[in-house]
């Protein structure tokens, strides 16, 4: 007898996100199971209820892109690091914002979402703390200017990425005010960098050879 296929939690959550985005919070766990290619019972072995499945699907990947940012402290070109991270952030927000909207409009889903937290904080707050740690560490290394405030940078960078994705998801901005994510994030990083780059060190004067006495 063939062994049942082993499926990762991440695969179940990906299937759940797809189903919830297509059918809303009224979607059934049976539909999620069918999408994932597993039995409905397999879902309940890992998630206690549909609401918990929804919450975890919404939270999945919430900190991955900022964790990757923190792992780059002191390495590489900061502009390119922020650009790469920014694109990942936009991609994440494009997925999670519709799910958040569903949770906020559904009392049961919102209650479940509020009840599933790690380290005593909402995933968004944990992500903000991680991003702040990144900017603070880079500041200590002198890779951004001493005048740069890690808290302001966190809200400015993360909030700008969220706003770009939210305008697309909720108002179809890409149709009415078209702008590619690549162009937006590159412009955002360049604009930020002009304000947070460390001050250029004055060039060392070349030593003049001593004059010969006549």
C-alpha atoms as a PDB file:
ATOM      1  CA  UNK A   1       0.000   0.000   0.000  1.00  0.00           C
ATOM      2  CA  UNK A   2       1.410   3.375  -1.022  1.00  0.00           C
ATOM      3  CA  UNK A   3       2.286   5.766   1.778  1.00  0.00           C
ATOM      4  CA  UNK A   4       0.228   8.983   1.842  1.00  0.00           C
ATOM      5  CA  UNK A   5       2.127  11.998   0.483  1.00  0.00           C
ATOM      6  CA  UNK A   6       3.914  14.150   3.045  1.00  0.00           C
ATOM      7  CA  UNK A   7       2.953  17.793   2.738  1.00  0.00           C
ATOM      8  CA  UNK A   8       4.579  20.732   4.459  1.00  0.00           C
ATOM      9  CA  UNK A   9       2.623  23.242   6.539  1.00  0.00           C
ATOM     10  CA  UNK A  10       3.807  25.903   4.093  1.00  0.00           C
ATOM     11  CA  UNK A  11       2.098  24.059   1.223  1.00  0.00           C
ATOM     12  CA  UNK A  12      -1.162  23.813   3.146  1.00  0.00           C
ATOM     13  CA  UNK A  13      -1.009  27.522   3.990  1.00  0.00           C
ATOM     14  CA  UNK A  14      -0.304  28.413   0.368  1.00  0.00           C
ATOM     15  CA  UNK A  15      -3.371  26.421  -0.685  1.00  0.00           C
ATOM     16  CA  UNK A  16      -5.411  28.079   2.052  1.00  0.00           C
ATOM     17  CA  UNK A  17      -4.367  31.579   0.938  1.00  0.00           C
ATOM     18  CA  UNK A  18      -5.402  30.778  -2.627  1.00  0.00           C
ATOM     19  CA  UNK A  19      -8.807  29.454  -1.539  1.00  0.00           C
ATOM     20  CA  UNK A  20      -9.509  32.249   0.952  1.00  0.00           C
ATOM     21  CA  UNK A  21      -8.578  34.919  -1.583  1.00  0.00           C
ATOM     22  CA  UNK A  22     -10.891  33.345  -4.142  1.00  0.00           C
ATOM     23  CA  UNK A  23     -13.873  32.593  -1.896  1.00  0.00           C
ATOM     24  CA  UNK A  24     -13.395  34.806   1.171  1.00  0.00           C
ATOM     25  CA  UNK A  25     -13.808  33.663   4.762  1.00  0.00           C
ATOM     26  CA  UNK A  26     -16.806  31.542   3.709  1.00  0.00           C
ATOM     27  CA  UNK A  27     -14.388  29.124   2.037  1.00  0.00           C
ATOM     28  CA  UNK A  28     -14.402  25.624   3.512  1.00  0.00           C
ATOM     29  CA  UNK A  29     -11.544  23.523   4.811  1.00  0.00           C
ATOM     30  CA  UNK A  30     -12.729  20.853   2.365  1.00  0.00           C
ATOM     31  CA  UNK A  31     -11.913  23.239  -0.491  1.00  0.00           C
ATOM     32  CA  UNK A  32      -8.491  23.918   1.026  1.00  0.00           C
ATOM     33  CA  UNK A  33      -7.838  20.188   1.375  1.00  0.00           C
ATOM     34  CA  UNK A  34      -8.838  19.591  -2.248  1.00  0.00           C
ATOM     35  CA  UNK A  35      -6.534  22.385  -3.383  1.00  0.00           C
ATOM     36  CA  UNK A  36      -3.652  20.961  -1.321  1.00  0.00           C
ATOM     37  CA  UNK A  37      -4.333  17.389  -2.448  1.00  0.00           C
ATOM     38  CA  UNK A  38      -4.809  16.040   1.081  1.00  0.00           C
ATOM     39  CA  UNK A  39      -7.672  14.888   3.281  1.00  0.00           C
ATOM     40  CA  UNK A  40      -9.622  17.408   5.329  1.00  0.00           C
ATOM     41  CA  UNK A  41      -8.600  15.473   8.439  1.00  0.00           C
ATOM     42  CA  UNK A  42      -4.943  16.181   7.688  1.00  0.00           C
ATOM     43  CA  UNK A  43      -5.658  19.889   8.048  1.00  0.00           C
ATOM     44  CA  UNK A  44      -7.193  19.471  11.488  1.00  0.00           C
ATOM     45  CA  UNK A  45      -4.199  17.452  12.661  1.00  0.00           C
ATOM     46  CA  UNK A  46      -2.158  20.644  12.257  1.00  0.00           C
ATOM     47  CA  UNK A  47      -4.694  23.423  12.730  1.00  0.00           C
ATOM     48  CA  UNK A  48      -7.427  23.278  15.339  1.00  0.00           C
ATOM     49  CA  UNK A  49     -10.064  25.183  13.348  1.00  0.00           C
ATOM     50  CA  UNK A  50     -10.749  26.943  10.083  1.00  0.00           C
ATOM     51  CA  UNK A  51     -10.185  30.291  11.785  1.00  0.00           C
ATOM     52  CA  UNK A  52      -6.766  29.196  13.000  1.00  0.00           C
ATOM     53  CA  UNK A  53      -5.924  27.998   9.489  1.00  0.00           C
ATOM     54  CA  UNK A  54      -7.020  31.377   8.121  1.00  0.00           C
ATOM     55  CA  UNK A  55      -4.918  33.263  10.660  1.00  0.00           C
ATOM     56  CA  UNK A  56      -1.790  31.249   9.969  1.00  0.00           C
ATOM     57  CA  UNK A  57      -2.332  31.592   6.218  1.00  0.00           C
ATOM     58  CA  UNK A  58      -2.552  35.342   6.664  1.00  0.00           C
ATOM     59  CA  UNK A  59       0.521  35.521   8.875  1.00  0.00           C
ATOM     60  CA  UNK A  60       2.707  33.166   6.854  1.00  0.00           C
ATOM     61  CA  UNK A  61       5.811  34.900   5.564  1.00  0.00           C
ATOM     62  CA  UNK A  62       5.128  38.003   7.654  1.00  0.00           C
ATOM     63  CA  UNK A  63       8.643  38.183   9.003  1.00  0.00           C
ATOM     64  CA  UNK A  64      10.600  36.273   6.336  1.00  0.00           C
ATOM     65  CA  UNK A  65      11.474  39.272   4.200  1.00  0.00           C
ATOM     66  CA  UNK A  66      12.575  41.408   7.147  1.00  0.00           C
ATOM     67  CA  UNK A  67      14.467  38.487   8.734  1.00  0.00           C
ATOM     68  CA  UNK A  68      16.421  38.247   5.483  1.00  0.00           C
ATOM     69  CA  UNK A  69      17.120  41.968   5.700  1.00  0.00           C
ATOM     70  CA  UNK A  70      18.472  41.661   9.246  1.00  0.00           C
ATOM     71  CA  UNK A  71      20.760  38.837   8.150  1.00  0.00           C
ATOM     72  CA  UNK A  72      22.589  41.217   5.780  1.00  0.00           C
ATOM     73  CA  UNK A  73      23.830  43.653   8.452  1.00  0.00           C
ATOM     74  CA  UNK A  74      27.296  44.902   7.557  1.00  0.00           C
ATOM     75  CA  UNK A  75      27.357  43.116   4.221  1.00  0.00           C
ATOM     76  CA  UNK A  76      27.123  44.232   0.603  1.00  0.00           C
ATOM     77  CA  UNK A  77      25.743  47.423  -0.898  1.00  0.00           C
ATOM     78  CA  UNK A  78      22.964  48.767   1.316  1.00  0.00           C
ATOM     79  CA  UNK A  79      21.143  50.336  -1.617  1.00  0.00           C
ATOM     80  CA  UNK A  80      20.877  46.999  -3.407  1.00  0.00           C
ATOM     81  CA  UNK A  81      19.950  45.209  -0.180  1.00  0.00           C
ATOM     82  CA  UNK A  82      17.090  47.628   0.492  1.00  0.00           C
ATOM     83  CA  UNK A  83      15.945  47.392  -3.133  1.00  0.00           C
ATOM     84  CA  UNK A  84      15.794  43.579  -3.053  1.00  0.00           C
ATOM     85  CA  UNK A  85      14.084  43.586   0.334  1.00  0.00           C
ATOM     86  CA  UNK A  86      11.654  46.259  -0.822  1.00  0.00           C
ATOM     87  CA  UNK A  87      10.464  44.192  -3.771  1.00  0.00           C
ATOM     88  CA  UNK A  88       9.928  41.203  -1.476  1.00  0.00           C
ATOM     89  CA  UNK A  89       7.981  43.419   0.897  1.00  0.00           C
ATOM     90  CA  UNK A  90       5.679  44.674  -1.856  1.00  0.00           C
ATOM     91  CA  UNK A  91       5.062  41.097  -3.043  1.00  0.00           C
ATOM     92  CA  UNK A  92       4.218  40.051   0.506  1.00  0.00           C
ATOM     93  CA  UNK A  93       1.840  42.959   1.126  1.00  0.00           C
ATOM     94  CA  UNK A  94       0.040  42.292  -2.160  1.00  0.00           C
ATOM     95  CA  UNK A  95      -0.818  38.861  -0.772  1.00  0.00           C
ATOM     96  CA  UNK A  96      -1.532  39.691   2.842  1.00  0.00           C
ATOM     97  CA  UNK A  97      -3.588  42.899   2.491  1.00  0.00           C
ATOM     98  CA  UNK A  98      -6.659  41.166   0.977  1.00  0.00           C
ATOM     99  CA  UNK A  99      -6.507  38.586   3.779  1.00  0.00           C
ATOM    100  CA  UNK A 100      -6.244  41.324   6.409  1.00  0.00           C
ATOM    101  CA  UNK A 101      -9.260  43.064   4.919  1.00  0.00           C
ATOM    102  CA  UNK A 102     -11.226  39.832   5.200  1.00  0.00           C
ATOM    103  CA  UNK A 103     -10.206  39.422   8.844  1.00  0.00           C
ATOM    104  CA  UNK A 104     -11.167  42.969   9.771  1.00  0.00           C
ATOM    105  CA  UNK A 105     -14.579  42.612   8.127  1.00  0.00           C
ATOM    106  CA  UNK A 106     -15.332  39.292   9.842  1.00  0.00           C
ATOM    107  CA  UNK A 107     -15.681  39.396  13.664  1.00  0.00           C
ATOM    108  CA  UNK A 108     -14.934  35.683  14.116  1.00  0.00           C
ATOM    109  CA  UNK A 109     -11.861  35.763  11.907  1.00  0.00           C
ATOM    110  CA  UNK A 110     -10.632  38.925  13.580  1.00  0.00           C
ATOM    111  CA  UNK A 111     -11.060  37.384  17.032  1.00  0.00           C
ATOM    112  CA  UNK A 112      -9.087  34.336  15.942  1.00  0.00           C
ATOM    113  CA  UNK A 113      -6.402  36.555  14.450  1.00  0.00           C
ATOM    114  CA  UNK A 114      -6.080  38.531  17.672  1.00  0.00           C
ATOM    115  CA  UNK A 115      -5.791  35.296  19.623  1.00  0.00           C
ATOM    116  CA  UNK A 116      -2.903  33.794  17.673  1.00  0.00           C
ATOM    117  CA  UNK A 117       0.222  35.791  18.437  1.00  0.00           C
ATOM    118  CA  UNK A 118       3.827  34.914  18.964  1.00  0.00           C
ATOM    119  CA  UNK A 119       6.145  36.535  21.497  1.00  0.00           C
ATOM    120  CA  UNK A 120       3.186  38.564  22.757  1.00  0.00           C
ATOM    121  CA  UNK A 121       3.033  40.823  19.706  1.00  0.00           C
ATOM    122  CA  UNK A 122       1.199  41.114  16.411  1.00  0.00           C
ATOM    123  CA  UNK A 123       3.328  39.840  13.478  1.00  0.00           C
ATOM    124  CA  UNK A 124       3.428  43.354  12.009  1.00  0.00           C
ATOM    125  CA  UNK A 125       4.904  44.681  15.257  1.00  0.00           C
ATOM    126  CA  UNK A 126       7.508  41.921  15.298  1.00  0.00           C
ATOM    127  CA  UNK A 127       8.426  42.783  11.720  1.00  0.00           C
ATOM    128  CA  UNK A 128       8.803  46.448  12.646  1.00  0.00           C
ATOM    129  CA  UNK A 129      11.073  45.534  15.543  1.00  0.00           C
ATOM    130  CA  UNK A 130      13.219  43.377  13.276  1.00  0.00           C
ATOM    131  CA  UNK A 131      13.516  46.119  10.666  1.00  0.00           C
ATOM    132  CA  UNK A 132      14.402  48.645  13.357  1.00  0.00           C
ATOM    133  CA  UNK A 133      17.153  46.308  14.579  1.00  0.00           C
ATOM    134  CA  UNK A 134      18.554  46.262  11.052  1.00  0.00           C
ATOM    135  CA  UNK A 135      18.718  50.039  10.723  1.00  0.00           C
ATOM    136  CA  UNK A 136      20.076  50.415  14.249  1.00  0.00           C
ATOM    137  CA  UNK A 137      22.850  47.857  13.589  1.00  0.00           C
ATOM    138  CA  UNK A 138      23.832  49.519  10.317  1.00  0.00           C
ATOM    139  CA  UNK A 139      23.922  52.888  12.074  1.00  0.00           C
ATOM    140  CA  UNK A 140      26.273  51.533  14.742  1.00  0.00           C
ATOM    141  CA  UNK A 141      28.558  50.270  11.986  1.00  0.00           C
ATOM    142  CA  UNK A 142      28.620  53.732  10.427  1.00  0.00           C
ATOM    143  CA  UNK A 143      26.985  52.498   7.211  1.00  0.00           C
ATOM    144  CA  UNK A 144      24.227  55.096   7.531  1.00  0.00           C
ATOM    145  CA  UNK A 145      24.502  58.613   8.860  1.00  0.00           C
ATOM    146  CA  UNK A 146      24.580  59.337  12.588  1.00  0.00           C
ATOM    147  CA  UNK A 147      21.580  61.648  12.093  1.00  0.00           C
ATOM    148  CA  UNK A 148      19.360  58.800  10.788  1.00  0.00           C
ATOM    149  CA  UNK A 149      16.665  57.674  13.258  1.00  0.00           C
ATOM    150  CA  UNK A 150      16.032  53.864  13.095  1.00  0.00           C
ATOM    151  CA  UNK A 151      12.409  54.283  14.237  1.00  0.00           C
ATOM    152  CA  UNK A 152      11.641  56.864  11.563  1.00  0.00           C
ATOM    153  CA  UNK A 153      13.416  54.803   8.895  1.00  0.00           C
ATOM    154  CA  UNK A 154      11.428  51.704   9.854  1.00  0.00           C
ATOM    155  CA  UNK A 155       8.085  53.467   9.514  1.00  0.00           C
ATOM    156  CA  UNK A 156       9.131  55.352   6.391  1.00  0.00           C
ATOM    157  CA  UNK A 157      10.511  52.347   4.510  1.00  0.00           C
ATOM    158  CA  UNK A 158       8.037  49.692   5.669  1.00  0.00           C
ATOM    159  CA  UNK A 159       5.062  52.045   5.539  1.00  0.00           C
ATOM    160  CA  UNK A 160       5.895  53.183   2.003  1.00  0.00           C
ATOM    161  CA  UNK A 161       6.019  49.592   0.765  1.00  0.00           C
ATOM    162  CA  UNK A 162       2.701  48.816   2.453  1.00  0.00           C
ATOM    163  CA  UNK A 163       1.072  51.932   0.999  1.00  0.00           C
ATOM    164  CA  UNK A 164       2.225  51.090  -2.542  1.00  0.00           C
ATOM    165  CA  UNK A 165       0.721  47.599  -2.317  1.00  0.00           C
ATOM    166  CA  UNK A 166      -2.447  48.812  -0.578  1.00  0.00           C
ATOM    167  CA  UNK A 167      -3.165  51.383  -3.283  1.00  0.00           C
ATOM    168  CA  UNK A 168      -2.891  48.607  -5.879  1.00  0.00           C
ATOM    169  CA  UNK A 169      -4.995  46.077  -3.990  1.00  0.00           C
ATOM    170  CA  UNK A 170      -7.760  48.371  -2.763  1.00  0.00           C
ATOM    171  CA  UNK A 171      -7.973  51.039  -5.456  1.00  0.00           C
ATOM    172  CA  UNK A 172      -6.428  49.513  -8.574  1.00  0.00           C
ATOM    173  CA  UNK A 173      -3.775  52.219  -8.682  1.00  0.00           C
ATOM    174  CA  UNK A 174      -1.738  50.259 -11.214  1.00  0.00           C
ATOM    175  CA  UNK A 175      -4.517  50.928 -13.758  1.00  0.00           C
ATOM    176  CA  UNK A 176      -5.189  54.584 -12.974  1.00  0.00           C
ATOM    177  CA  UNK A 177      -1.743  55.790 -11.904  1.00  0.00           C
ATOM    178  CA  UNK A 178       0.487  53.118 -13.430  1.00  0.00           C
ATOM    179  CA  UNK A 179       3.895  52.565 -11.885  1.00  0.00           C
ATOM    180  CA  UNK A 180       5.966  49.413 -11.744  1.00  0.00           C
ATOM    181  CA  UNK A 181       6.976  48.144  -8.322  1.00  0.00           C
ATOM    182  CA  UNK A 182      10.583  47.964  -9.542  1.00  0.00           C
ATOM    183  CA  UNK A 183      10.572  51.674 -10.431  1.00  0.00           C
ATOM    184  CA  UNK A 184       8.846  52.677  -7.199  1.00  0.00           C
ATOM    185  CA  UNK A 185      11.149  50.732  -4.897  1.00  0.00           C
ATOM    186  CA  UNK A 186      14.267  51.915  -6.744  1.00  0.00           C
ATOM    187  CA  UNK A 187      13.088  55.520  -6.419  1.00  0.00           C
ATOM    188  CA  UNK A 188      12.196  55.030  -2.762  1.00  0.00           C
ATOM    189  CA  UNK A 189      15.607  53.593  -1.925  1.00  0.00           C
ATOM    190  CA  UNK A 190      17.451  56.294  -3.864  1.00  0.00           C
ATOM    191  CA  UNK A 191      15.446  59.024  -2.131  1.00  0.00           C
ATOM    192  CA  UNK A 192      16.048  57.486   1.291  1.00  0.00           C
ATOM    193  CA  UNK A 193      19.724  56.995   0.611  1.00  0.00           C
ATOM    194  CA  UNK A 194      20.262  60.660  -0.239  1.00  0.00           C
ATOM    195  CA  UNK A 195      19.127  61.439   3.295  1.00  0.00           C
ATOM    196  CA  UNK A 196      20.727  58.625   5.298  1.00  0.00           C
ATOM    197  CA  UNK A 197      24.038  58.021   3.546  1.00  0.00           C
ATOM    198  CA  UNK A 198      27.038  58.515   5.839  1.00  0.00           C
ATOM    199  CA  UNK A 199      28.887  61.782   5.346  1.00  0.00           C
ATOM    200  CA  UNK A 200      31.676  61.513   2.821  1.00  0.00           C
ATOM    201  CA  UNK A 201      35.091  61.528   4.409  1.00  0.00           C
ATOM    202  CA  UNK A 202      37.355  64.301   3.189  1.00  0.00           C
ATOM    203  CA  UNK A 203      40.043  63.063   0.857  1.00  0.00           C
ATOM    204  CA  UNK A 204      43.453  62.760   2.437  1.00  0.00           C
ATOM    205  CA  UNK A 205      45.902  65.338   1.221  1.00  0.00           C
ATOM    206  CA  UNK A 206      48.902  63.904  -0.509  1.00  0.00           C
ATOM    207  CA  UNK A 207      52.117  64.565   1.312  1.00  0.00           C
ATOM    208  CA  UNK A 208      54.366  66.912  -0.601  1.00  0.00           C
ATOM    209  CA  UNK A 209      58.012  65.863  -0.859  1.00  0.00           C
ATOM    210  CA  UNK A 210      60.296  68.076   1.207  1.00  0.00           C
ATOM    211  CA  UNK A 211      61.839  70.960  -0.696  1.00  0.00           C
ATOM    212  CA  UNK A 212      65.509  70.741  -1.354  1.00  0.00           C
ATOM    213  CA  UNK A 213      67.626  73.511  -0.004  1.00  0.00           C
ATOM    214  CA  UNK A 214      69.626  75.439  -2.526  1.00  0.00           C
END
